[in-house]
Amino acid sequence: MELLNASDVKKMLRCSLPLVYKMANERRIPCVRIPCPTLGTRKKELVRFKFEDVATFIEANYQR
């Protein structure tokens, strides 16, 4: 299964990158968070999305 990154989702939704991350943080769009090892104090994660989840989000928010 191929996962989408936030930039891919941004292009699909034609919105800003911060909005994609905000919707992921608010659990409006399901995502996969992959922990990344880091030497600093800040926790870092890769955020990836399943195409099907983004398509479901679009359908759920579609208004005629």
Protein backbone atom coordinates (compact mmCIF):
# COMPACT_ATOMS: atom_id res chain seq x y z
CA MET A 1 0.00 0.00 0.00
CA GLU A 2 1.37 3.38 -0.96
CA LEU A 3 0.89 6.20 1.53
CA LEU A 4 0.49 9.87 0.67
CA ASN A 5 2.47 12.61 2.34
CA ALA A 6 0.97 15.91 3.46
CA SER A 7 2.05 17.62 0.25
CA ASP A 8 0.12 15.05 -1.82
CA VAL A 9 -3.00 15.65 0.29
CA LYS A 10 -2.52 19.40 -0.06
CA LYS A 11 -2.60 19.03 -3.84
CA MET A 12 -5.70 16.82 -3.72
CA LEU A 13 -7.61 19.25 -1.49
CA ARG A 14 -6.06 22.40 -2.99
CA CYS A 15 -5.43 23.85 0.44
CA SER A 16 -2.44 24.91 2.52
CA LEU A 17 0.02 22.52 4.12
CA PRO A 18 -0.66 23.87 7.64
CA LEU A 19 -4.37 23.12 7.13
CA VAL A 20 -3.57 19.49 6.22
CA TYR A 21 -1.54 19.09 9.41
CA LYS A 22 -4.24 20.83 11.46
CA MET A 23 -6.95 18.49 10.15
CA ALA A 24 -4.69 15.50 10.88
CA ASN A 25 -4.04 16.76 14.44
CA GLU A 26 -7.77 17.27 14.98
CA ARG A 27 -8.38 13.73 13.64
CA ARG A 28 -10.62 15.05 10.87
CA ILE A 29 -8.49 13.14 8.34
CA PRO A 30 -7.10 9.80 9.58
CA CYS A 31 -3.34 9.52 9.36
CA VAL A 32 -0.40 7.29 10.18
CA ARG A 33 2.22 8.78 12.49
CA ILE A 34 5.67 7.23 12.27
CA PRO A 35 8.08 8.18 15.08
CA CYS A 36 11.48 9.42 13.93
CA PRO A 37 14.59 9.13 16.06
CA THR A 38 15.99 12.51 16.99
CA LEU A 39 18.81 13.91 19.06
CA GLY A 40 16.91 17.03 20.09
CA THR A 41 14.23 17.50 22.71
CA ARG A 42 11.41 17.90 20.21
CA LYS A 43 9.48 14.77 19.24
CA LYS A 44 9.39 14.26 15.46
CA GLU A 45 7.00 12.16 13.41
CA LEU A 46 6.35 11.42 9.77
CA VAL A 47 2.68 11.96 8.94
CA ARG A 48 1.26 9.84 6.12
CA PHE A 49 -2.24 9.34 4.75
CA LYS A 50 -4.10 6.50 3.02
CA PHE A 51 -5.63 7.53 -0.30
CA GLU A 52 -8.91 5.87 0.69
CA ASP A 53 -9.12 7.95 3.88
CA VAL A 54 -8.61 11.20 1.97
CA ALA A 55 -11.21 10.16 -0.63
CA THR A 56 -13.67 9.32 2.18
CA PHE A 57 -13.01 12.74 3.75
CA ILE A 58 -13.77 14.43 0.42
CA GLU A 59 -17.01 12.46 -0.04
CA ALA A 60 -18.13 13.15 3.54
CA ASN A 61 -17.66 16.89 3.04
CA TYR A 62 -19.07 17.11 -0.48
CA GLN A 63 -21.96 19.54 -0.81
CA ARG A 64 -24.16 19.81 -3.86
